[in-house]
Amino acid sequence: MSQMTEIRWHGRGGQGVVTAGELLGESAMKMGNYFQAFPEYGAERMGAPIKAYTRVSIDPIEIHSPILEPGVVVVTNDNLIGAVDITGGIKDGGIIIVNTDDSPQEVRDQLDYQEGEVWCVDASQIAKDEFGRDIPSTTLLGVVIKAVGIVELETLEETIRESLGSKLRPDVVEANVQAVARAYKECVKG
């Protein structure tokens, strides 16, 4: 991992984007890193486009601003492609992770992004299969950790159990863990 990994999340209100960023940060902290995770809301209503940010670093983080030049962009809803500027400011060689049933090449063509890496997984379908709701953000964490390598799968699973265990029924927590593991295995890089 470089000194700091900066991730910009694009999603819609109610899809768990903020929670996913926090879970990633908490997992990174368990591995001895520092983190920041915070949202940027617009209309603040269910379904409205939102951004969230996660920074992970081996050193204390002294930046307190939105991430303008992310190394990683996560898109939790592929209908945001064309609706918001997904690739804006992304670093050369950046990683884009998209919840879609399209191939990485199809996403590259849609975004006109021929650099870096594109990772795809149908996180919506996995979430529906595992816990019956289209809340793909936590599921996408499996792809984030595989593509970026900042957290081990076991650490993320432990964090999900601890953090969501007090908020959700045990079966729903385990379904989230299974969804993350499936995304980790089923994602495609291209």
C-alpha atoms as a PDB file:
ATOM      1  CA  MET A   1       0.000   0.000   0.000  1.00  0.00           C
ATOM      2  CA  SER A   2       1.235   3.491  -0.721  1.00  0.00           C
ATOM      3  CA  GLN A   3       1.325   6.079   2.054  1.00  0.00           C
ATOM      4  CA  MET A   4      -2.341   6.969   1.547  1.00  0.00           C
ATOM      5  CA  THR A   5      -5.177   5.362  -0.365  1.00  0.00           C
ATOM      6  CA  GLU A   6      -8.017   7.724  -1.259  1.00  0.00           C
ATOM      7  CA  ILE A   7     -11.385   6.330  -2.332  1.00  0.00           C
ATOM      8  CA  ARG A   8     -14.359   8.247  -3.697  1.00  0.00           C
ATOM      9  CA  TRP A   9     -17.694   6.452  -3.549  1.00  0.00           C
ATOM     10  CA  HIS A  10     -20.587   7.287  -5.889  1.00  0.00           C
ATOM     11  CA  GLY A  11     -23.982   5.985  -4.917  1.00  0.00           C
ATOM     12  CA  ARG A  12     -27.561   6.817  -4.182  1.00  0.00           C
ATOM     13  CA  GLY A  13     -29.034   7.602  -0.809  1.00  0.00           C
ATOM     14  CA  GLY A  14     -30.077   4.444   0.997  1.00  0.00           C
ATOM     15  CA  GLN A  15     -27.601   2.106  -0.724  1.00  0.00           C
ATOM     16  CA  GLY A  16     -25.192   1.952   2.219  1.00  0.00           C
ATOM     17  CA  VAL A  17     -22.344   4.000   0.733  1.00  0.00           C
ATOM     18  CA  VAL A  18     -21.542   5.790   3.985  1.00  0.00           C
ATOM     19  CA  THR A  19     -21.662   2.570   5.995  1.00  0.00           C
ATOM     20  CA  ALA A  20     -19.394   0.778   3.520  1.00  0.00           C
ATOM     21  CA  GLY A  21     -16.763   3.526   3.724  1.00  0.00           C
ATOM     22  CA  GLU A  22     -16.850   3.371   7.508  1.00  0.00           C
ATOM     23  CA  LEU A  23     -16.580  -0.434   7.554  1.00  0.00           C
ATOM     24  CA  LEU A  24     -13.551  -0.269   5.276  1.00  0.00           C
ATOM     25  CA  GLY A  25     -11.935   2.358   7.503  1.00  0.00           C
ATOM     26  CA  GLU A  26     -12.633   0.410  10.689  1.00  0.00           C
ATOM     27  CA  SER A  27     -11.130  -2.704   9.092  1.00  0.00           C
ATOM     28  CA  ALA A  28      -8.030  -0.760   8.068  1.00  0.00           C
ATOM     29  CA  MET A  29      -7.705   0.540  11.630  1.00  0.00           C
ATOM     30  CA  LYS A  30      -7.717  -3.050  12.939  1.00  0.00           C
ATOM     31  CA  MET A  31      -4.711  -3.633  10.689  1.00  0.00           C
ATOM     32  CA  GLY A  32      -2.830  -0.723  12.271  1.00  0.00           C
ATOM     33  CA  ASN A  33      -3.745   2.056   9.834  1.00  0.00           C
ATOM     34  CA  TYR A  34      -5.396   5.435  10.229  1.00  0.00           C
ATOM     35  CA  PHE A  35      -8.589   6.308   8.382  1.00  0.00           C
ATOM     36  CA  GLN A  36     -11.182   8.937   7.583  1.00  0.00           C
ATOM     37  CA  ALA A  37     -14.645   8.123   6.252  1.00  0.00           C
ATOM     38  CA  PHE A  38     -17.225  10.807   5.587  1.00  0.00           C
ATOM     39  CA  PRO A  39     -20.151  11.583   3.262  1.00  0.00           C
ATOM     40  CA  GLU A  40     -20.945  14.518   1.028  1.00  0.00           C
ATOM     41  CA  TYR A  41     -24.700  14.894   0.743  1.00  0.00           C
ATOM     42  CA  GLY A  42     -26.664  16.870  -1.811  1.00  0.00           C
ATOM     43  CA  ALA A  43     -30.424  16.654  -1.725  1.00  0.00           C
ATOM     44  CA  GLU A  44     -30.316  14.273   1.256  1.00  0.00           C
ATOM     45  CA  ARG A  45     -33.155  12.071   0.146  1.00  0.00           C
ATOM     46  CA  MET A  46     -33.505   8.387  -0.589  1.00  0.00           C
ATOM     47  CA  GLY A  47     -32.263   7.684  -4.107  1.00  0.00           C
ATOM     48  CA  ALA A  48     -30.461  11.005  -4.613  1.00  0.00           C
ATOM     49  CA  PRO A  49     -26.861  10.797  -5.876  1.00  0.00           C
ATOM     50  CA  ILE A  50     -24.333  11.069  -3.059  1.00  0.00           C
ATOM     51  CA  LYS A  51     -20.580  10.886  -2.670  1.00  0.00           C
ATOM     52  CA  ALA A  52     -18.630   9.507   0.228  1.00  0.00           C
ATOM     53  CA  TYR A  53     -14.917   9.418   0.857  1.00  0.00           C
ATOM     54  CA  THR A  54     -12.529   7.048   2.586  1.00  0.00           C
ATOM     55  CA  ARG A  55      -8.859   7.680   3.277  1.00  0.00           C
ATOM     56  CA  VAL A  56      -6.577   4.982   4.640  1.00  0.00           C
ATOM     57  CA  SER A  57      -2.968   5.652   5.586  1.00  0.00           C
ATOM     58  CA  ILE A  58      -0.129   4.126   7.544  1.00  0.00           C
ATOM     59  CA  ASP A  59       0.521   7.619   8.924  1.00  0.00           C
ATOM     60  CA  PRO A  60      -1.851  10.014  10.712  1.00  0.00           C
ATOM     61  CA  ILE A  61      -4.107  11.832   8.238  1.00  0.00           C
ATOM     62  CA  GLU A  62      -3.988  15.597   8.431  1.00  0.00           C
ATOM     63  CA  ILE A  63      -6.066  16.377   5.325  1.00  0.00           C
ATOM     64  CA  HIS A  64      -9.690  17.301   6.070  1.00  0.00           C
ATOM     65  CA  SER A  65     -11.318  17.871   2.689  1.00  0.00           C
ATOM     66  CA  PRO A  66     -13.192  15.944   0.030  1.00  0.00           C
ATOM     67  CA  ILE A  67     -11.071  13.702  -2.160  1.00  0.00           C
ATOM     68  CA  LEU A  68     -10.554  15.483  -5.471  1.00  0.00           C
ATOM     69  CA  GLU A  69      -7.940  13.127  -6.961  1.00  0.00           C
ATOM     70  CA  PRO A  70      -8.884   9.608  -5.872  1.00  0.00           C
ATOM     71  CA  GLY A  71      -6.809   6.570  -6.616  1.00  0.00           C
ATOM     72  CA  VAL A  72      -9.959   4.447  -6.404  1.00  0.00           C
ATOM     73  CA  VAL A  73     -13.536   5.219  -7.456  1.00  0.00           C
ATOM     74  CA  VAL A  74     -16.396   2.928  -6.421  1.00  0.00           C
ATOM     75  CA  VAL A  75     -19.716   3.153  -8.267  1.00  0.00           C
ATOM     76  CA  THR A  76     -22.535   1.459  -6.373  1.00  0.00           C
ATOM     77  CA  ASN A  77     -25.179   2.078  -9.014  1.00  0.00           C
ATOM     78  CA  ASP A  78     -24.260   1.841 -12.693  1.00  0.00           C
ATOM     79  CA  ASN A  79     -27.091   4.200 -13.674  1.00  0.00           C
ATOM     80  CA  LEU A  80     -24.855   6.966 -12.299  1.00  0.00           C
ATOM     81  CA  ILE A  81     -22.567   6.474 -15.306  1.00  0.00           C
ATOM     82  CA  GLY A  82     -23.324   9.427 -17.532  1.00  0.00           C
ATOM     83  CA  ALA A  83     -25.301  11.147 -14.776  1.00  0.00           C
ATOM     84  CA  VAL A  84     -22.299  12.156 -12.633  1.00  0.00           C
ATOM     85  CA  ASP A  85     -18.606  12.601 -13.420  1.00  0.00           C
ATOM     86  CA  ILE A  86     -17.257   9.229 -12.333  1.00  0.00           C
ATOM     87  CA  THR A  87     -13.711   9.648 -13.667  1.00  0.00           C
ATOM     88  CA  GLY A  88     -13.267  13.306 -12.694  1.00  0.00           C
ATOM     89  CA  GLY A  89      -9.892  13.829 -11.045  1.00  0.00           C
ATOM     90  CA  ILE A  90      -8.977  10.141 -10.899  1.00  0.00           C
ATOM     91  CA  LYS A  91      -5.217   9.619 -10.673  1.00  0.00           C
ATOM     92  CA  ASP A  92      -3.317   8.148 -13.594  1.00  0.00           C
ATOM     93  CA  GLY A  93      -3.564   4.389 -13.355  1.00  0.00           C
ATOM     94  CA  GLY A  94      -6.527   4.644 -10.986  1.00  0.00           C
ATOM     95  CA  ILE A  95      -8.927   1.844 -10.159  1.00  0.00           C
ATOM     96  CA  ILE A  96     -12.644   1.996 -10.943  1.00  0.00           C
ATOM     97  CA  ILE A  97     -14.974  -0.527  -9.310  1.00  0.00           C
ATOM     98  CA  VAL A  98     -18.535  -0.755 -10.619  1.00  0.00           C
ATOM     99  CA  ASN A  99     -21.650  -2.612  -9.515  1.00  0.00           C
ATOM    100  CA  THR A 100     -22.819  -3.886 -12.896  1.00  0.00           C
ATOM    101  CA  ASP A 101     -23.443  -6.990 -14.929  1.00  0.00           C
ATOM    102  CA  ASP A 102     -21.492  -5.361 -17.787  1.00  0.00           C
ATOM    103  CA  SER A 103     -17.944  -6.416 -18.584  1.00  0.00           C
ATOM    104  CA  PRO A 104     -14.965  -4.238 -17.639  1.00  0.00           C
ATOM    105  CA  GLN A 105     -14.479  -3.379 -21.330  1.00  0.00           C
ATOM    106  CA  GLU A 106     -18.105  -2.251 -21.641  1.00  0.00           C
ATOM    107  CA  VAL A 107     -17.633  -0.014 -18.595  1.00  0.00           C
ATOM    108  CA  ARG A 108     -14.379   1.361 -20.050  1.00  0.00           C
ATOM    109  CA  ASP A 109     -16.240   2.231 -23.238  1.00  0.00           C
ATOM    110  CA  GLN A 110     -19.132   3.862 -21.339  1.00  0.00           C
ATOM    111  CA  LEU A 111     -16.720   5.958 -19.271  1.00  0.00           C
ATOM    112  CA  ASP A 112     -14.191   6.531 -22.058  1.00  0.00           C
ATOM    113  CA  TYR A 113     -11.600   5.314 -19.544  1.00  0.00           C
ATOM    114  CA  GLN A 114      -8.825   3.285 -21.116  1.00  0.00           C
ATOM    115  CA  GLU A 115      -6.208   3.669 -18.362  1.00  0.00           C
ATOM    116  CA  GLY A 116      -5.853   1.993 -15.007  1.00  0.00           C
ATOM    117  CA  GLU A 117      -7.996  -0.920 -13.892  1.00  0.00           C
ATOM    118  CA  VAL A 118     -11.718  -1.548 -14.076  1.00  0.00           C
ATOM    119  CA  TRP A 119     -13.293  -4.126 -11.788  1.00  0.00           C
ATOM    120  CA  CYS A 120     -16.909  -5.260 -12.163  1.00  0.00           C
ATOM    121  CA  VAL A 121     -19.290  -7.407 -10.168  1.00  0.00           C
ATOM    122  CA  ASP A 122     -23.073  -7.652 -10.042  1.00  0.00           C
ATOM    123  CA  ALA A 123     -23.220  -6.605  -6.390  1.00  0.00           C
ATOM    124  CA  SER A 124     -26.948  -5.844  -6.636  1.00  0.00           C
ATOM    125  CA  GLN A 125     -27.734  -9.423  -7.621  1.00  0.00           C
ATOM    126  CA  ILE A 126     -25.417 -10.830  -4.960  1.00  0.00           C
ATOM    127  CA  ALA A 127     -27.082  -8.632  -2.306  1.00  0.00           C
ATOM    128  CA  LYS A 128     -30.557  -9.722  -3.442  1.00  0.00           C
ATOM    129  CA  ASP A 129     -29.472 -13.374  -3.386  1.00  0.00           C
ATOM    130  CA  GLU A 130     -27.844 -13.178   0.032  1.00  0.00           C
ATOM    131  CA  PHE A 131     -30.096 -10.849   2.026  1.00  0.00           C
ATOM    132  CA  GLY A 132     -33.020 -10.056  -0.199  1.00  0.00           C
ATOM    133  CA  ARG A 133     -32.406  -6.318  -0.779  1.00  0.00           C
ATOM    134  CA  ASP A 134     -30.577  -4.255  -3.368  1.00  0.00           C
ATOM    135  CA  ILE A 135     -28.107  -2.627  -0.982  1.00  0.00           C
ATOM    136  CA  PRO A 136     -24.844  -3.240  -2.852  1.00  0.00           C
ATOM    137  CA  SER A 137     -22.304  -1.066  -1.041  1.00  0.00           C
ATOM    138  CA  THR A 138     -21.212  -3.505   1.653  1.00  0.00           C
ATOM    139  CA  THR A 139     -21.081  -6.235  -0.975  1.00  0.00           C
ATOM    140  CA  LEU A 140     -18.714  -4.089  -3.074  1.00  0.00           C
ATOM    141  CA  LEU A 141     -16.234  -4.028  -0.199  1.00  0.00           C
ATOM    142  CA  GLY A 142     -15.183  -7.509  -1.305  1.00  0.00           C
ATOM    143  CA  VAL A 143     -14.037  -6.062  -4.620  1.00  0.00           C
ATOM    144  CA  VAL A 144     -12.412  -3.008  -3.012  1.00  0.00           C
ATOM    145  CA  ILE A 145     -10.189  -5.085  -0.765  1.00  0.00           C
ATOM    146  CA  LYS A 146      -9.276  -7.466  -3.590  1.00  0.00           C
ATOM    147  CA  ALA A 147      -8.438  -4.663  -6.034  1.00  0.00           C
ATOM    148  CA  VAL A 148      -6.636  -2.392  -3.578  1.00  0.00           C
ATOM    149  CA  GLY A 149      -5.221  -4.809  -1.014  1.00  0.00           C
ATOM    150  CA  ILE A 150      -5.546  -2.527   2.006  1.00  0.00           C
ATOM    151  CA  VAL A 151      -7.509  -4.958   4.192  1.00  0.00           C
ATOM    152  CA  GLU A 152      -7.616  -8.731   4.509  1.00  0.00           C
ATOM    153  CA  LEU A 153     -10.943 -10.473   3.856  1.00  0.00           C
ATOM    154  CA  GLU A 154     -10.992 -12.049   7.324  1.00  0.00           C
ATOM    155  CA  THR A 155     -10.492  -8.650   8.980  1.00  0.00           C
ATOM    156  CA  LEU A 156     -13.327  -7.127   6.968  1.00  0.00           C
ATOM    157  CA  GLU A 157     -15.631 -10.027   7.853  1.00  0.00           C
ATOM    158  CA  GLU A 158     -14.792  -9.572  11.546  1.00  0.00           C
ATOM    159  CA  THR A 159     -15.496  -5.829  11.315  1.00  0.00           C
ATOM    160  CA  ILE A 160     -18.851  -6.426   9.617  1.00  0.00           C
ATOM    161  CA  ARG A 161     -19.867  -8.834  12.364  1.00  0.00           C
ATOM    162  CA  GLU A 162     -18.839  -6.409  15.109  1.00  0.00           C
ATOM    163  CA  SER A 163     -20.193  -3.203  13.555  1.00  0.00           C
ATOM    164  CA  LEU A 164     -23.446  -4.497  12.122  1.00  0.00           C
ATOM    165  CA  GLY A 165     -24.070  -7.058  14.856  1.00  0.00           C
ATOM    166  CA  SER A 166     -25.685  -4.532  17.170  1.00  0.00           C
ATOM    167  CA  LYS A 167     -27.880  -3.080  14.376  1.00  0.00           C
ATOM    168  CA  LEU A 168     -29.059  -6.100  12.407  1.00  0.00           C
ATOM    169  CA  ARG A 169     -30.340  -9.605  13.067  1.00  0.00           C
ATOM    170  CA  PRO A 170     -27.551 -12.219  13.165  1.00  0.00           C
ATOM    171  CA  ASP A 171     -28.783 -13.877   9.960  1.00  0.00           C
ATOM    172  CA  VAL A 172     -28.663 -10.541   8.100  1.00  0.00           C
ATOM    173  CA  VAL A 173     -25.146  -9.862   9.385  1.00  0.00           C
ATOM    174  CA  GLU A 174     -23.975 -13.273   8.159  1.00  0.00           C
ATOM    175  CA  ALA A 175     -25.719 -12.665   4.823  1.00  0.00           C
ATOM    176  CA  ASN A 176     -23.660  -9.456   4.469  1.00  0.00           C
ATOM    177  CA  VAL A 177     -20.482 -11.409   5.233  1.00  0.00           C
ATOM    178  CA  GLN A 178     -21.427 -14.001   2.604  1.00  0.00           C
ATOM    179  CA  ALA A 179     -22.183 -11.262   0.066  1.00  0.00           C
ATOM    180  CA  VAL A 180     -18.742  -9.713   0.591  1.00  0.00           C
ATOM    181  CA  ALA A 181     -17.047 -13.097   0.179  1.00  0.00           C
ATOM    182  CA  ARG A 182     -18.992 -13.772  -3.024  1.00  0.00           C
ATOM    183  CA  ALA A 183     -18.090 -10.370  -4.499  1.00  0.00           C
ATOM    184  CA  TYR A 184     -14.448 -11.025  -3.613  1.00  0.00           C
ATOM    185  CA  LYS A 185     -14.584 -14.306  -5.583  1.00  0.00           C
ATOM    186  CA  GLU A 186     -16.890 -13.273  -8.440  1.00  0.00           C
ATOM    187  CA  CYS A 187     -15.441  -9.877  -9.404  1.00  0.00           C
ATOM    188  CA  VAL A 188     -13.810  -9.487 -12.806  1.00  0.00           C
ATOM    189  CA  LYS A 189     -10.827  -7.287 -13.603  1.00  0.00           C
ATOM    190  CA  GLY A 190     -10.319  -5.932 -17.074  1.00  0.00           C
END
